[in-house]
């Protein structure tokens, strides 16, 4: 992992936004050809699940939430899921 990479995965990072006087966090995935990428809210999905959603989005290079959620259901509880989660380095404050 490089000094600039705090998530543990290339193309995935934690994103902070301030709304209505409080901070909100989301795991954001991006890749060449899709610099806007896709974000998964920590408040809505929880830190671990949002991170895995972002990691899957990055691997599949898709912003199709249905496809990402389908892949998540397929791998949840497997060694592949645990491997993705083990790569997570950062945690939002």
Protein backbone atom coordinates (compact mmCIF):
# COMPACT_ATOMS: atom_id res chain seq x y z
CA UNK A 1 0.00 0.00 0.00
CA UNK A 2 1.35 3.42 -0.89
CA UNK A 3 1.43 6.46 1.34
CA UNK A 4 -1.48 8.00 -0.59
CA UNK A 5 -3.63 4.85 -0.52
CA UNK A 6 -5.43 4.66 2.80
CA UNK A 7 -8.10 2.13 1.81
CA UNK A 8 -5.93 -0.84 0.92
CA UNK A 9 -7.35 -1.13 -2.61
CA UNK A 10 -6.40 0.79 -5.74
CA UNK A 11 -9.36 2.81 -7.00
CA UNK A 12 -11.24 2.75 -3.69
CA UNK A 13 -11.19 5.48 -1.07
CA UNK A 14 -13.24 6.91 1.75
CA UNK A 15 -15.00 10.14 0.86
CA UNK A 16 -16.19 12.71 3.41
CA UNK A 17 -18.92 15.25 2.79
CA UNK A 18 -20.32 17.81 5.20
CA UNK A 19 -24.08 18.14 5.04
CA UNK A 20 -26.40 19.97 7.39
CA UNK A 21 -23.61 20.57 9.87
CA UNK A 22 -22.40 16.98 10.19
CA UNK A 23 -19.93 14.78 8.36
CA UNK A 24 -21.08 11.89 6.20
CA UNK A 25 -18.81 9.18 4.82
CA UNK A 26 -19.04 6.94 1.78
CA UNK A 27 -16.73 4.40 0.16
CA UNK A 28 -16.06 5.56 -3.39
CA UNK A 29 -14.85 3.39 -6.31
CA UNK A 30 -13.44 4.76 -9.55
CA UNK A 31 -11.41 3.46 -12.50
CA UNK A 32 -10.01 4.63 -15.85
CA UNK A 33 -12.88 5.73 -18.05
CA UNK A 34 -15.16 6.33 -15.05
CA UNK A 35 -13.51 9.00 -12.88
CA UNK A 36 -16.86 9.88 -11.28
CA UNK A 37 -17.27 6.29 -10.17
CA UNK A 38 -19.83 5.19 -7.60
CA UNK A 39 -20.22 5.79 -3.87
CA UNK A 40 -21.72 3.63 -1.14
CA UNK A 41 -22.86 5.45 2.03
CA UNK A 42 -21.47 4.22 5.35
CA UNK A 43 -24.59 5.45 7.16
CA UNK A 44 -26.88 3.41 4.90
CA UNK A 45 -24.85 0.20 4.39
CA UNK A 46 -22.43 0.18 7.33
CA UNK A 47 -18.68 0.58 7.00
CA UNK A 48 -17.78 -3.01 6.08
CA UNK A 49 -20.61 -3.58 3.58
CA UNK A 50 -20.09 -0.19 1.91
CA UNK A 51 -16.38 -0.97 1.53
CA UNK A 52 -17.09 -4.38 -0.02
CA UNK A 53 -19.67 -2.83 -2.38
CA UNK A 54 -17.04 -0.29 -3.50
CA UNK A 55 -14.43 -3.03 -3.93
CA UNK A 56 -16.83 -5.11 -6.03
CA UNK A 57 -17.76 -2.03 -8.10
CA UNK A 58 -14.05 -1.46 -8.77
CA UNK A 59 -13.39 -5.10 -9.68
CA UNK A 60 -16.35 -5.28 -12.05
CA UNK A 61 -15.85 -1.67 -13.21
CA UNK A 62 -19.59 -1.06 -13.05
CA UNK A 63 -21.92 1.55 -11.59
CA UNK A 64 -24.85 -0.87 -11.89
CA UNK A 65 -25.93 -1.14 -8.23
CA UNK A 66 -28.12 -4.17 -8.91
CA UNK A 67 -25.20 -6.08 -10.38
CA UNK A 68 -22.94 -5.12 -7.47
CA UNK A 69 -25.57 -6.12 -4.89
CA UNK A 70 -26.11 -9.43 -6.69
CA UNK A 71 -22.36 -10.16 -6.61
CA UNK A 72 -22.27 -9.18 -2.92
CA UNK A 73 -25.03 -11.69 -2.11
CA UNK A 74 -23.16 -14.35 -4.07
CA UNK A 75 -19.85 -13.90 -2.22
CA UNK A 76 -21.06 -12.91 1.28
CA UNK A 77 -19.67 -15.30 3.87
CA UNK A 78 -17.16 -16.87 1.46
CA UNK A 79 -13.37 -16.75 1.50
CA UNK A 80 -13.53 -14.16 -1.32
CA UNK A 81 -15.65 -11.87 0.86
CA UNK A 82 -13.28 -12.24 3.81
CA UNK A 83 -10.30 -11.56 1.52
CA UNK A 84 -11.86 -8.31 0.27
CA UNK A 85 -12.69 -7.21 3.80
CA UNK A 86 -9.19 -8.08 5.03
CA UNK A 87 -7.76 -5.59 2.52
CA UNK A 88 -9.69 -2.73 4.14
CA UNK A 89 -7.20 -0.47 5.86
CA UNK A 90 -9.06 2.78 6.64
CA UNK A 91 -12.04 3.35 8.87
CA UNK A 92 -14.07 6.55 8.90
CA UNK A 93 -13.86 8.52 12.17
